């Protein structure tokens, strides 16, 4: 007879989940593309910024819409302080920025605040 192992069942659920995310066009962050790990939409050889629909890019992608772009994470840790809002600390031009993860010191991913 035919039987399914727990591993096969979990793998099937993962494949269904990935197919659903591709269908509904949900960006996955962070995602691996080429040699990098990305926490926001990117613009590589494209007219507009795009994102991967898988944790590791496998050819499934979409152009980013406003709600896809990375959001600030609060609170975040920068140097020896915890920040609950955007800051200009450490920016050479005095522009407001935020971390895209809770620990800027470790992850070093950020964006300018609007």
PDB file of N, CA and C in Angstrom:
ATOM      1  N   UNK A   1       0.797  -1.174   0.000  1.00  0.00           N
ATOM      2  CA  UNK A   1       0.000   0.000   0.000  1.00  0.00           C
ATOM      3  C   UNK A   1       0.853   1.257   0.000  1.00  0.00           C
ATOM      4  N   UNK A   2       0.189   2.365  -0.155  1.00  0.00           N
ATOM      5  CA  UNK A   2       0.851   3.665  -0.144  1.00  0.00           C
ATOM      6  C   UNK A   2       0.803   4.245   1.257  1.00  0.00           C
ATOM      7  N   UNK A   3       1.913   4.788   1.692  1.00  0.00           N
ATOM      8  CA  UNK A   3       1.925   5.450   2.992  1.00  0.00           C
ATOM      9  C   UNK A   3       2.719   6.741   2.881  1.00  0.00           C
ATOM     10  N   UNK A   4       2.439   7.657   3.779  1.00  0.00           N
ATOM     11  CA  UNK A   4       3.105   8.955   3.788  1.00  0.00           C
ATOM     12  C   UNK A   4       3.814   9.121   5.119  1.00  0.00           C
ATOM     13  N   UNK A   5       5.064   9.515   5.062  1.00  0.00           N
ATOM     14  CA  UNK A   5       5.794   9.764   6.299  1.00  0.00           C
ATOM     15  C   UNK A   5       5.476  11.171   6.788  1.00  0.00           C
ATOM     16  N   UNK A   6       5.775  11.430   8.043  1.00  0.00           N
ATOM     17  CA  UNK A   6       5.570  12.773   8.601  1.00  0.00           C
ATOM     18  C   UNK A   6       6.397  13.785   7.816  1.00  0.00           C
ATOM     19  N   UNK A   7       7.618  13.378   7.426  1.00  0.00           N
ATOM     20  CA  UNK A   7       8.492  14.274   6.655  1.00  0.00           C
ATOM     21  C   UNK A   7       7.835  14.646   5.325  1.00  0.00           C
ATOM     22  N   UNK A   8       7.246  13.647   4.631  1.00  0.00           N
ATOM     23  CA  UNK A   8       6.571  13.915   3.355  1.00  0.00           C
ATOM     24  C   UNK A   8       5.404  14.876   3.555  1.00  0.00           C
ATOM     25  N   UNK A   9       4.680  14.678   4.653  1.00  0.00           N
ATOM     26  CA  UNK A   9       3.525  15.533   4.943  1.00  0.00           C
ATOM     27  C   UNK A   9       3.968  16.979   5.179  1.00  0.00           C
ATOM     28  N   UNK A  10       5.012  17.169   5.984  1.00  0.00           N
ATOM     29  CA  UNK A  10       5.525  18.515   6.262  1.00  0.00           C
ATOM     30  C   UNK A  10       6.030  19.151   4.972  1.00  0.00           C
ATOM     31  N   UNK A  11       6.745  18.373   4.152  1.00  0.00           N
ATOM     32  CA  UNK A  11       7.253  18.889   2.880  1.00  0.00           C
ATOM     33  C   UNK A  11       6.086  19.325   1.985  1.00  0.00           C
ATOM     34  N   UNK A  12       5.020  18.539   1.943  1.00  0.00           N
ATOM     35  CA  UNK A  12       3.846  18.892   1.143  1.00  0.00           C
ATOM     36  C   UNK A  12       3.221  20.191   1.636  1.00  0.00           C
ATOM     37  N   UNK A  13       3.116  20.331   2.960  1.00  0.00           N
ATOM     38  CA  UNK A  13       2.553  21.564   3.520  1.00  0.00           C
ATOM     39  C   UNK A  13       3.423  22.761   3.174  1.00  0.00           C
ATOM     40  N   UNK A  14       4.751  22.591   3.241  1.00  0.00           N
ATOM     41  CA  UNK A  14       5.663  23.682   2.887  1.00  0.00           C
ATOM     42  C   UNK A  14       5.501  24.073   1.423  1.00  0.00           C
ATOM     43  N   UNK A  15       5.378  23.091   0.543  1.00  0.00           N
ATOM     44  CA  UNK A  15       5.202  23.378  -0.881  1.00  0.00           C
ATOM     45  C   UNK A  15       3.871  24.084  -1.124  1.00  0.00           C
ATOM     46  N   UNK A  16       2.826  23.651  -0.428  1.00  0.00           N
ATOM     47  CA  UNK A  16       1.524  24.318  -0.560  1.00  0.00           C
ATOM     48  C   UNK A  16       1.602  25.757  -0.074  1.00  0.00           C
ATOM     49  N   UNK A  17       2.303  25.965   1.038  1.00  0.00           N
ATOM     50  CA  UNK A  17       2.459  27.306   1.589  1.00  0.00           C
ATOM     51  C   UNK A  17       3.212  28.202   0.611  1.00  0.00           C
ATOM     52  N   UNK A  18       4.297  27.680   0.020  1.00  0.00           N
ATOM     53  CA  UNK A  18       5.059  28.460  -0.960  1.00  0.00           C
ATOM     54  C   UNK A  18       4.207  28.780  -2.180  1.00  0.00           C
ATOM     55  N   UNK A  19       3.421  27.815  -2.644  1.00  0.00           N
ATOM     56  CA  UNK A  19       2.562  28.045  -3.805  1.00  0.00           C
ATOM     57  C   UNK A  19       1.530  29.124  -3.489  1.00  0.00           C
ATOM     58  N   UNK A  20       0.962  29.086  -2.275  1.00  0.00           N
ATOM     59  CA  UNK A  20      -0.013  30.099  -1.865  1.00  0.00           C
ATOM     60  C   UNK A  20       0.633  31.483  -1.852  1.00  0.00           C
ATOM     61  N   UNK A  21       1.839  31.580  -1.273  1.00  0.00           N
ATOM     62  CA  UNK A  21       2.513  32.876  -1.206  1.00  0.00           C
ATOM     63  C   UNK A  21       2.827  33.408  -2.598  1.00  0.00           C
ATOM     64  N   UNK A  22       3.213  32.528  -3.521  1.00  0.00           N
ATOM     65  CA  UNK A  22       3.476  32.969  -4.896  1.00  0.00           C
ATOM     66  C   UNK A  22       2.186  33.459  -5.538  1.00  0.00           C
ATOM     67  N   UNK A  23       1.100  32.754  -5.290  1.00  0.00           N
ATOM     68  CA  UNK A  23      -0.189  33.121  -5.867  1.00  0.00           C
ATOM     69  C   UNK A  23      -0.632  34.492  -5.381  1.00  0.00           C
ATOM     70  N   UNK A  24      -0.473  34.739  -4.093  1.00  0.00           N
ATOM     71  CA  UNK A  24      -0.922  36.007  -3.527  1.00  0.00           C
ATOM     72  C   UNK A  24       0.157  37.078  -3.559  1.00  0.00           C
ATOM     73  N   UNK A  25       1.343  36.743  -4.034  1.00  0.00           N
ATOM     74  CA  UNK A  25       2.389  37.729  -4.222  1.00  0.00           C
ATOM     75  C   UNK A  25       2.899  38.363  -2.954  1.00  0.00           C
ATOM     76  N   UNK A  26       3.197  37.552  -1.955  1.00  0.00           N
ATOM     77  CA  UNK A  26       3.688  38.088  -0.686  1.00  0.00           C
ATOM     78  C   UNK A  26       5.215  38.063  -0.670  1.00  0.00           C
ATOM     79  N   UNK A  27       5.825  39.232  -0.473  1.00  0.00           N
ATOM     80  CA  UNK A  27       7.281  39.307  -0.371  1.00  0.00           C
ATOM     81  C   UNK A  27       7.753  38.549   0.861  1.00  0.00           C
ATOM     82  N   UNK A  28       8.906  37.907   0.746  1.00  0.00           N
ATOM     83  CA  UNK A  28       9.511  37.213   1.877  1.00  0.00           C
ATOM     84  C   UNK A  28      10.780  37.970   2.259  1.00  0.00           C
ATOM     85  N   UNK A  29      10.844  38.437   3.503  1.00  0.00           N
ATOM     86  CA  UNK A  29      12.032  39.131   4.008  1.00  0.00           C
ATOM     87  C   UNK A  29      12.497  38.478   5.288  1.00  0.00           C
ATOM     88  N   UNK A  30      13.790  38.349   5.484  1.00  0.00           N
ATOM     89  CA  UNK A  30      14.805  38.614   4.465  1.00  0.00           C
ATOM     90  C   UNK A  30      14.816  37.496   3.432  1.00  0.00           C
ATOM     91  N   UNK A  31      15.415  37.763   2.261  1.00  0.00           N
ATOM     92  CA  UNK A  31      15.567  36.717   1.255  1.00  0.00           C
ATOM     93  C   UNK A  31      17.000  36.716   0.734  1.00  0.00           C
ATOM     94  N   UNK A  32      17.436  35.521   0.342  1.00  0.00           N
ATOM     95  CA  UNK A  32      18.769  35.360  -0.243  1.00  0.00           C
ATOM     96  C   UNK A  32      18.669  35.488  -1.752  1.00  0.00           C
ATOM     97  N   UNK A  33      19.552  36.300  -2.334  1.00  0.00           N
ATOM     98  CA  UNK A  33      19.632  36.443  -3.786  1.00  0.00           C
ATOM     99  C   UNK A  33      21.101  36.567  -4.143  1.00  0.00           C
ATOM    100  N   UNK A  34      21.555  35.712  -5.033  1.00  0.00           N
ATOM    101  CA  UNK A  34      22.973  35.648  -5.381  1.00  0.00           C
ATOM    102  C   UNK A  34      23.779  35.483  -4.102  1.00  0.00           C
ATOM    103  N   UNK A  35      24.671  36.405  -3.792  1.00  0.00           N
ATOM    104  CA  UNK A  35      25.505  36.255  -2.595  1.00  0.00           C
ATOM    105  C   UNK A  35      25.046  37.126  -1.434  1.00  0.00           C
ATOM    106  N   UNK A  36      23.839  37.679  -1.519  1.00  0.00           N
ATOM    107  CA  UNK A  36      23.403  38.612  -0.483  1.00  0.00           C
ATOM    108  C   UNK A  36      22.138  38.198   0.237  1.00  0.00           C
ATOM    109  N   UNK A  37      21.963  38.776   1.413  1.00  0.00           N
ATOM    110  CA  UNK A  37      20.747  38.613   2.203  1.00  0.00           C
ATOM    111  C   UNK A  37      20.075  39.981   2.224  1.00  0.00           C
ATOM    112  N   UNK A  38      18.823  40.053   1.773  1.00  0.00           N
ATOM    113  CA  UNK A  38      18.146  41.335   1.608  1.00  0.00           C
ATOM    114  C   UNK A  38      16.926  41.446   2.510  1.00  0.00           C
ATOM    115  N   UNK A  39      16.809  42.614   3.142  1.00  0.00           N
ATOM    116  CA  UNK A  39      15.723  42.889   4.080  1.00  0.00           C
ATOM    117  C   UNK A  39      14.701  43.853   3.494  1.00  0.00           C
ATOM    118  N   UNK A  40      14.866  44.215   2.235  1.00  0.00           N
ATOM    119  CA  UNK A  40      13.948  45.153   1.594  1.00  0.00           C
ATOM    120  C   UNK A  40      13.928  44.867   0.098  1.00  0.00           C
ATOM    121  N   UNK A  41      13.030  45.514  -0.604  1.00  0.00           N
ATOM    122  CA  UNK A  41      12.947  45.381  -2.053  1.00  0.00           C
ATOM    123  C   UNK A  41      14.263  45.842  -2.685  1.00  0.00           C
ATOM    124  N   UNK A  42      14.635  45.224  -3.796  1.00  0.00           N
ATOM    125  CA  UNK A  42      15.912  45.513  -4.449  1.00  0.00           C
ATOM    126  C   UNK A  42      15.683  45.916  -5.901  1.00  0.00           C
ATOM    127  N   UNK A  43      16.726  46.488  -6.497  1.00  0.00           N
ATOM    128  CA  UNK A  43      16.639  46.906  -7.900  1.00  0.00           C
ATOM    129  C   UNK A  43      17.889  46.411  -8.625  1.00  0.00           C
ATOM    130  N   UNK A  44      17.832  45.178  -9.104  1.00  0.00           N
ATOM    131  CA  UNK A  44      18.933  44.598  -9.875  1.00  0.00           C
ATOM    132  C   UNK A  44      18.470  44.426 -11.309  1.00  0.00           C
ATOM    133  N   UNK A  45      19.099  45.139 -12.229  1.00  0.00           N
ATOM    134  CA  UNK A  45      18.783  45.006 -13.655  1.00  0.00           C
ATOM    135  C   UNK A  45      17.278  45.039 -13.916  1.00  0.00           C
ATOM    136  N   UNK A  46      16.585  45.891 -13.188  1.00  0.00           N
ATOM    137  CA  UNK A  46      15.135  46.013 -13.358  1.00  0.00           C
ATOM    138  C   UNK A  46      14.767  47.490 -13.329  1.00  0.00           C
ATOM    139  N   UNK A  47      13.642  47.803 -13.923  1.00  0.00           N
ATOM    140  CA  UNK A  47      13.180  49.188 -13.957  1.00  0.00           C
ATOM    141  C   UNK A  47      12.652  49.628 -12.592  1.00  0.00           C
ATOM    142  N   UNK A  48      12.051  48.684 -11.868  1.00  0.00           N
ATOM    143  CA  UNK A  48      11.459  48.983 -10.565  1.00  0.00           C
ATOM    144  C   UNK A  48      12.003  48.021  -9.518  1.00  0.00           C
ATOM    145  N   UNK A  49      11.840  48.390  -8.256  1.00  0.00           N
ATOM    146  CA  UNK A  49      12.276  47.510  -7.171  1.00  0.00           C
ATOM    147  C   UNK A  49      11.374  46.279  -7.107  1.00  0.00           C
ATOM    148  N   UNK A  50      11.973  45.157  -6.717  1.00  0.00           N
ATOM    149  CA  UNK A  50      11.249  43.895  -6.660  1.00  0.00           C
ATOM    150  C   UNK A  50      11.664  43.107  -5.421  1.00  0.00           C
ATOM    151  N   UNK A  51      10.918  42.042  -5.140  1.00  0.00           N
ATOM    152  CA  UNK A  51      11.231  41.172  -4.004  1.00  0.00           C
ATOM    153  C   UNK A  51      11.058  39.718  -4.420  1.00  0.00           C
ATOM    154  N   UNK A  52      11.662  38.847  -3.639  1.00  0.00           N
ATOM    155  CA  UNK A  52      11.519  37.411  -3.855  1.00  0.00           C
ATOM    156  C   UNK A  52      10.263  36.916  -3.149  1.00  0.00           C
ATOM    157  N   UNK A  53       9.649  35.901  -3.720  1.00  0.00           N
ATOM    158  CA  UNK A  53       8.485  35.286  -3.086  1.00  0.00           C
ATOM    159  C   UNK A  53       8.879  34.022  -2.330  1.00  0.00           C
ATOM    160  N   UNK A  54      10.201  33.782  -2.233  1.00  0.00           N
ATOM    161  CA  UNK A  54      10.746  32.662  -1.463  1.00  0.00           C
ATOM    162  C   UNK A  54      11.862  33.194  -0.574  1.00  0.00           C
ATOM    163  N   UNK A  55      12.160  32.497   0.508  1.00  0.00           N
ATOM    164  CA  UNK A  55      13.257  32.879   1.389  1.00  0.00           C
ATOM    165  C   UNK A  55      14.605  32.825   0.687  1.00  0.00           C
ATOM    166  N   UNK A  56      14.738  31.906  -0.257  1.00  0.00           N
ATOM    167  CA  UNK A  56      15.902  31.852  -1.142  1.00  0.00           C
ATOM    168  C   UNK A  56      15.354  32.001  -2.551  1.00  0.00           C
ATOM    169  N   UNK A  57      15.776  33.046  -3.263  1.00  0.00           N
ATOM    170  CA  UNK A  57      15.235  33.344  -4.585  1.00  0.00           C
ATOM    171  C   UNK A  57      15.336  32.131  -5.497  1.00  0.00           C
ATOM    172  N   UNK A  58      14.191  31.732  -6.073  1.00  0.00           N
ATOM    173  CA  UNK A  58      14.138  30.587  -6.983  1.00  0.00           C
ATOM    174  C   UNK A  58      13.432  30.951  -8.285  1.00  0.00           C
ATOM    175  N   UNK A  59      13.463  32.230  -8.643  1.00  0.00           N
ATOM    176  CA  UNK A  59      12.823  32.646  -9.881  1.00  0.00           C
ATOM    177  C   UNK A  59      11.422  33.203  -9.689  1.00  0.00           C
ATOM    178  N   UNK A  60      10.891  33.132  -8.475  1.00  0.00           N
ATOM    179  CA  UNK A  60       9.564  33.680  -8.192  1.00  0.00           C
ATOM    180  C   UNK A  60       9.734  35.043  -7.538  1.00  0.00           C
ATOM    181  N   UNK A  61       9.156  36.072  -8.160  1.00  0.00           N
ATOM    182  CA  UNK A  61       9.343  37.434  -7.685  1.00  0.00           C
ATOM    183  C   UNK A  61       8.151  38.275  -8.101  1.00  0.00           C
ATOM    184  N   UNK A  62       8.118  39.509  -7.602  1.00  0.00           N
ATOM    185  CA  UNK A  62       7.115  40.479  -8.037  1.00  0.00           C
ATOM    186  C   UNK A  62       7.665  41.879  -7.832  1.00  0.00           C
ATOM    187  N   UNK A  63       7.121  42.829  -8.579  1.00  0.00           N
ATOM    188  CA  UNK A  63       7.470  44.223  -8.339  1.00  0.00           C
ATOM    189  C   UNK A  63       6.855  44.638  -7.013  1.00  0.00           C
ATOM    190  N   UNK A  64       7.576  45.440  -6.260  1.00  0.00           N
ATOM    191  CA  UNK A  64       7.096  45.866  -4.946  1.00  0.00           C
ATOM    192  C   UNK A  64       6.057  46.974  -5.074  1.00  0.00           C
ATOM    193  N   UNK A  65       5.045  46.870  -4.252  1.00  0.00           N
ATOM    194  CA  UNK A  65       4.074  47.951  -4.116  1.00  0.00           C
ATOM    195  C   UNK A  65       4.377  48.646  -2.789  1.00  0.00           C
ATOM    196  N   UNK A  66       3.708  49.714  -2.510  1.00  0.00           N
ATOM    197  CA  UNK A  66       4.002  50.520  -1.318  1.00  0.00           C
ATOM    198  C   UNK A  66       4.008  49.685  -0.035  1.00  0.00           C
ATOM    199  N   UNK A  67       3.064  48.756   0.089  1.00  0.00           N
ATOM    200  CA  UNK A  67       2.987  47.973   1.331  1.00  0.00           C
ATOM    201  C   UNK A  67       4.065  46.894   1.445  1.00  0.00           C
ATOM    202  N   UNK A  68       4.830  46.668   0.370  1.00  0.00           N
ATOM    203  CA  UNK A  68       5.883  45.643   0.405  1.00  0.00           C
ATOM    204  C   UNK A  68       7.203  46.146   0.982  1.00  0.00           C
ATOM    205  N   UNK A  69       7.443  47.447   0.917  1.00  0.00           N
ATOM    206  CA  UNK A  69       8.736  47.967   1.354  1.00  0.00           C
ATOM    207  C   UNK A  69       8.942  47.746   2.851  1.00  0.00           C
ATOM    208  N   UNK A  70      10.194  47.565   3.219  1.00  0.00           N
ATOM    209  CA  UNK A  70      10.550  47.276   4.614  1.00  0.00           C
ATOM    210  C   UNK A  70      10.045  48.367   5.547  1.00  0.00           C
ATOM    211  N   UNK A  71       9.667  47.931   6.728  1.00  0.00           N
ATOM    212  CA  UNK A  71       9.205  48.856   7.757  1.00  0.00           C
ATOM    213  C   UNK A  71      10.216  48.893   8.896  1.00  0.00           C
ATOM    214  N   UNK A  72      10.270  50.024   9.544  1.00  0.00           N
ATOM    215  CA  UNK A  72      11.136  50.177  10.710  1.00  0.00           C
ATOM    216  C   UNK A  72      10.698  49.205  11.800  1.00  0.00           C
ATOM    217  N   UNK A  73      11.662  48.719  12.569  1.00  0.00           N
ATOM    218  CA  UNK A  73      11.373  47.852  13.707  1.00  0.00           C
ATOM    219  C   UNK A  73      11.685  48.629  14.981  1.00  0.00           C
ATOM    220  N   UNK A  74      10.693  48.753  15.840  1.00  0.00           N
ATOM    221  CA  UNK A  74      10.872  49.443  17.124  1.00  0.00           C
ATOM    222  C   UNK A  74      10.466  48.515  18.250  1.00  0.00           C
ATOM    223  N   UNK A  75      11.161  48.536  19.355  1.00  0.00           N
ATOM    224  CA  UNK A  75      12.403  49.290  19.554  1.00  0.00           C
ATOM    225  C   UNK A  75      13.568  48.589  18.861  1.00  0.00           C
ATOM    226  N   UNK A  76      14.652  49.344  18.622  1.00  0.00           N
ATOM    227  CA  UNK A  76      15.867  48.729  18.097  1.00  0.00           C
ATOM    228  C   UNK A  76      17.072  49.209  18.896  1.00  0.00           C
ATOM    229  N   UNK A  77      18.099  48.389  18.893  1.00  0.00           N
ATOM    230  CA  UNK A  77      19.313  48.658  19.649  1.00  0.00           C
ATOM    231  C   UNK A  77      20.376  49.182  18.697  1.00  0.00           C
ATOM    232  N   UNK A  78      20.919  50.368  18.987  1.00  0.00           N
ATOM    233  CA  UNK A  78      21.991  50.961  18.194  1.00  0.00           C
ATOM    234  C   UNK A  78      23.048  51.485  19.152  1.00  0.00           C
ATOM    235  N   UNK A  79      24.274  51.037  18.947  1.00  0.00           N
ATOM    236  CA  UNK A  79      25.371  51.321  19.864  1.00  0.00           C
ATOM    237  C   UNK A  79      24.963  50.884  21.264  1.00  0.00           C
ATOM    238  N   UNK A  80      24.831  51.826  22.210  1.00  0.00           N
ATOM    239  CA  UNK A  80      24.497  51.432  23.586  1.00  0.00           C
ATOM    240  C   UNK A  80      23.101  51.867  24.005  1.00  0.00           C
ATOM    241  N   UNK A  81      22.265  52.255  23.025  1.00  0.00           N
ATOM    242  CA  UNK A  81      20.942  52.766  23.362  1.00  0.00           C
ATOM    243  C   UNK A  81      19.836  51.981  22.665  1.00  0.00           C
ATOM    244  N   UNK A  82      18.662  52.042  23.260  1.00  0.00           N
ATOM    245  CA  UNK A  82      17.452  51.474  22.668  1.00  0.00           C
ATOM    246  C   UNK A  82      16.648  52.645  22.096  1.00  0.00           C
ATOM    247  N   UNK A  83      16.234  52.533  20.839  1.00  0.00           N
ATOM    248  CA  UNK A  83      15.473  53.595  20.171  1.00  0.00           C
ATOM    249  C   UNK A  83      14.041  53.144  19.929  1.00  0.00           C
ATOM    250  N   UNK A  84      13.108  54.042  20.225  1.00  0.00           N
ATOM    251  CA  UNK A  84      11.683  53.772  20.057  1.00  0.00           C
ATOM    252  C   UNK A  84      11.099  54.553  18.888  1.00  0.00           C
ATOM    253  N   UNK A  85      11.967  55.299  18.185  1.00  0.00           N
ATOM    254  CA  UNK A  85      11.545  56.065  17.009  1.00  0.00           C
ATOM    255  C   UNK A  85      12.767  56.312  16.136  1.00  0.00           C
ATOM    256  N   UNK A  86      12.550  56.861  14.957  1.00  0.00           N
ATOM    257  CA  UNK A  86      13.658  57.159  14.053  1.00  0.00           C
ATOM    258  C   UNK A  86      14.641  58.108  14.733  1.00  0.00           C
ATOM    259  N   UNK A  87      15.899  58.016  14.331  1.00  0.00           N
ATOM    260  CA  UNK A  87      16.941  58.843  14.931  1.00  0.00           C
ATOM    261  C   UNK A  87      17.877  59.368  13.847  1.00  0.00           C
ATOM    262  N   UNK A  88      18.558  60.459  14.142  1.00  0.00           N
ATOM    263  CA  UNK A  88      19.599  60.949  13.233  1.00  0.00           C
ATOM    264  C   UNK A  88      20.980  60.605  13.793  1.00  0.00           C
ATOM    265  N   UNK A  89      21.029  59.972  14.969  1.00  0.00           N
ATOM    266  CA  UNK A  89      22.310  59.603  15.587  1.00  0.00           C
ATOM    267  C   UNK A  89      23.139  58.753  14.628  1.00  0.00           C
ATOM    268  N   UNK A  90      24.384  59.139  14.449  1.00  0.00           N
ATOM    269  CA  UNK A  90      25.293  58.353  13.629  1.00  0.00           C
ATOM    270  C   UNK A  90      25.204  58.608  12.139  1.00  0.00           C
ATOM    271  N   UNK A  91      24.244  59.415  11.689  1.00  0.00           N
ATOM    272  CA  UNK A  91      24.134  59.692  10.254  1.00  0.00           C
ATOM    273  C   UNK A  91      24.932  60.946   9.917  1.00  0.00           C
ATOM    274  N   UNK A  92      25.843  60.828   8.969  1.00  0.00           N
ATOM    275  CA  UNK A  92      26.738  61.932   8.610  1.00  0.00           C
ATOM    276  C   UNK A  92      25.984  63.168   8.119  1.00  0.00           C
ATOM    277  N   UNK A  93      24.789  62.973   7.566  1.00  0.00           N
ATOM    278  CA  UNK A  93      24.029  64.091   7.010  1.00  0.00           C
ATOM    279  C   UNK A  93      22.898  64.546   7.925  1.00  0.00           C
ATOM    280  N   UNK A  94      22.781  63.920   9.097  1.00  0.00           N
ATOM    281  CA  UNK A  94      21.734  64.301  10.040  1.00  0.00           C
ATOM    282  C   UNK A  94      20.343  63.871   9.620  1.00  0.00           C
ATOM    283  N   UNK A  95      20.261  62.894   8.707  1.00  0.00           N
ATOM    284  CA  UNK A  95      18.953  62.408   8.261  1.00  0.00           C
ATOM    285  C   UNK A  95      18.424  61.357   9.229  1.00  0.00           C
ATOM    286  N   UNK A  96      17.110  61.312   9.357  1.00  0.00           N
ATOM    287  CA  UNK A  96      16.454  60.355  10.244  1.00  0.00           C
ATOM    288  C   UNK A  96      16.473  58.963   9.608  1.00  0.00           C
ATOM    289  N   UNK A  97      16.787  57.953  10.427  1.00  0.00           N
ATOM    290  CA  UNK A  97      16.855  56.579   9.950  1.00  0.00           C
ATOM    291  C   UNK A  97      16.346  55.637  11.032  1.00  0.00           C
ATOM    292  N   UNK A  98      16.146  54.372  10.649  1.00  0.00           N
ATOM    293  CA  UNK A  98      15.730  53.351  11.610  1.00  0.00           C
ATOM    294  C   UNK A  98      16.336  52.012  11.209  1.00  0.00           C
ATOM    295  N   UNK A  99      16.314  51.090  12.137  1.00  0.00           N
ATOM    296  CA  UNK A  99      16.792  49.736  11.880  1.00  0.00           C
ATOM    297  C   UNK A  99      15.652  48.895  11.314  1.00  0.00           C
ATOM    298  N   UNK A 100      16.007  47.908  10.496  1.00  0.00           N
ATOM    299  CA  UNK A 100      15.007  46.982   9.957  1.00  0.00           C
ATOM    300  C   UNK A 100      14.940  45.697  10.778  1.00  0.00           C
ATOM    301  N   UNK A 101      15.789  45.615  11.813  1.00  0.00           N
ATOM    302  CA  UNK A 101      15.735  44.501  12.766  1.00  0.00           C
ATOM    303  C   UNK A 101      15.856  45.091  14.167  1.00  0.00           C
ATOM    304  N   UNK A 102      15.635  44.278  15.181  1.00  0.00           N
ATOM    305  CA  UNK A 102      15.710  44.787  16.549  1.00  0.00           C
ATOM    306  C   UNK A 102      17.132  45.088  16.993  1.00  0.00           C
ATOM    307  N   UNK A 103      18.124  44.498  16.320  1.00  0.00           N
ATOM    308  CA  UNK A 103      19.510  44.698  16.742  1.00  0.00           C
ATOM    309  C   UNK A 103      20.353  45.229  15.586  1.00  0.00           C
ATOM    310  N   UNK A 104      20.413  46.557  15.468  1.00  0.00           N
ATOM    311  CA  UNK A 104      21.230  47.150  14.412  1.00  0.00           C
ATOM    312  C   UNK A 104      22.701  46.784  14.587  1.00  0.00           C
ATOM    313  N   UNK A 105      23.169  46.723  15.823  1.00  0.00           N
ATOM    314  CA  UNK A 105      24.585  46.439  16.090  1.00  0.00           C
ATOM    315  C   UNK A 105      25.026  45.115  15.466  1.00  0.00           C
ATOM    316  N   UNK A 106      24.151  44.137  15.471  1.00  0.00           N
ATOM    317  CA  UNK A 106      24.476  42.816  14.928  1.00  0.00           C
ATOM    318  C   UNK A 106      24.169  42.739  13.430  1.00  0.00           C
ATOM    319  N   UNK A 107      22.994  43.214  13.016  1.00  0.00           N
ATOM    320  CA  UNK A 107      22.514  42.990  11.651  1.00  0.00           C
ATOM    321  C   UNK A 107      22.901  44.075  10.647  1.00  0.00           C
ATOM    322  N   UNK A 108      23.070  45.314  11.112  1.00  0.00           N
ATOM    323  CA  UNK A 108      23.498  46.435  10.253  1.00  0.00           C
ATOM    324  C   UNK A 108      22.583  46.672   9.048  1.00  0.00           C
ATOM    325  N   UNK A 109      21.277  46.475   9.218  1.00  0.00           N
ATOM    326  CA  UNK A 109      20.332  46.765   8.135  1.00  0.00           C
ATOM    327  C   UNK A 109      19.421  47.909   8.569  1.00  0.00           C
ATOM    328  N   UNK A 110      19.258  48.892   7.691  1.00  0.00           N
ATOM    329  CA  UNK A 110      18.545  50.106   8.054  1.00  0.00           C
ATOM    330  C   UNK A 110      17.959  50.750   6.809  1.00  0.00           C
ATOM    331  N   UNK A 111      17.157  51.784   7.030  1.00  0.00           N
ATOM    332  CA  UNK A 111      16.643  52.608   5.933  1.00  0.00           C
ATOM    333  C   UNK A 111      16.389  54.007   6.465  1.00  0.00           C
ATOM    334  N   UNK A 112      16.336  54.961   5.554  1.00  0.00           N
ATOM    335  CA  UNK A 112      15.959  56.313   5.954  1.00  0.00           C
ATOM    336  C   UNK A 112      14.463  56.350   6.212  1.00  0.00           C
ATOM    337  N   UNK A 113      14.065  57.133   7.195  1.00  0.00           N
ATOM    338  CA  UNK A 113      12.648  57.289   7.514  1.00  0.00           C
ATOM    339  C   UNK A 113      12.035  58.308   6.566  1.00  0.00           C
ATOM    340  N   UNK A 114      10.769  58.127   6.280  1.00  0.00           N
ATOM    341  CA  UNK A 114      10.071  59.041   5.362  1.00  0.00           C
ATOM    342  C   UNK A 114       9.719  60.342   6.041  1.00  0.00           C
TER     343      UNK A 114
END
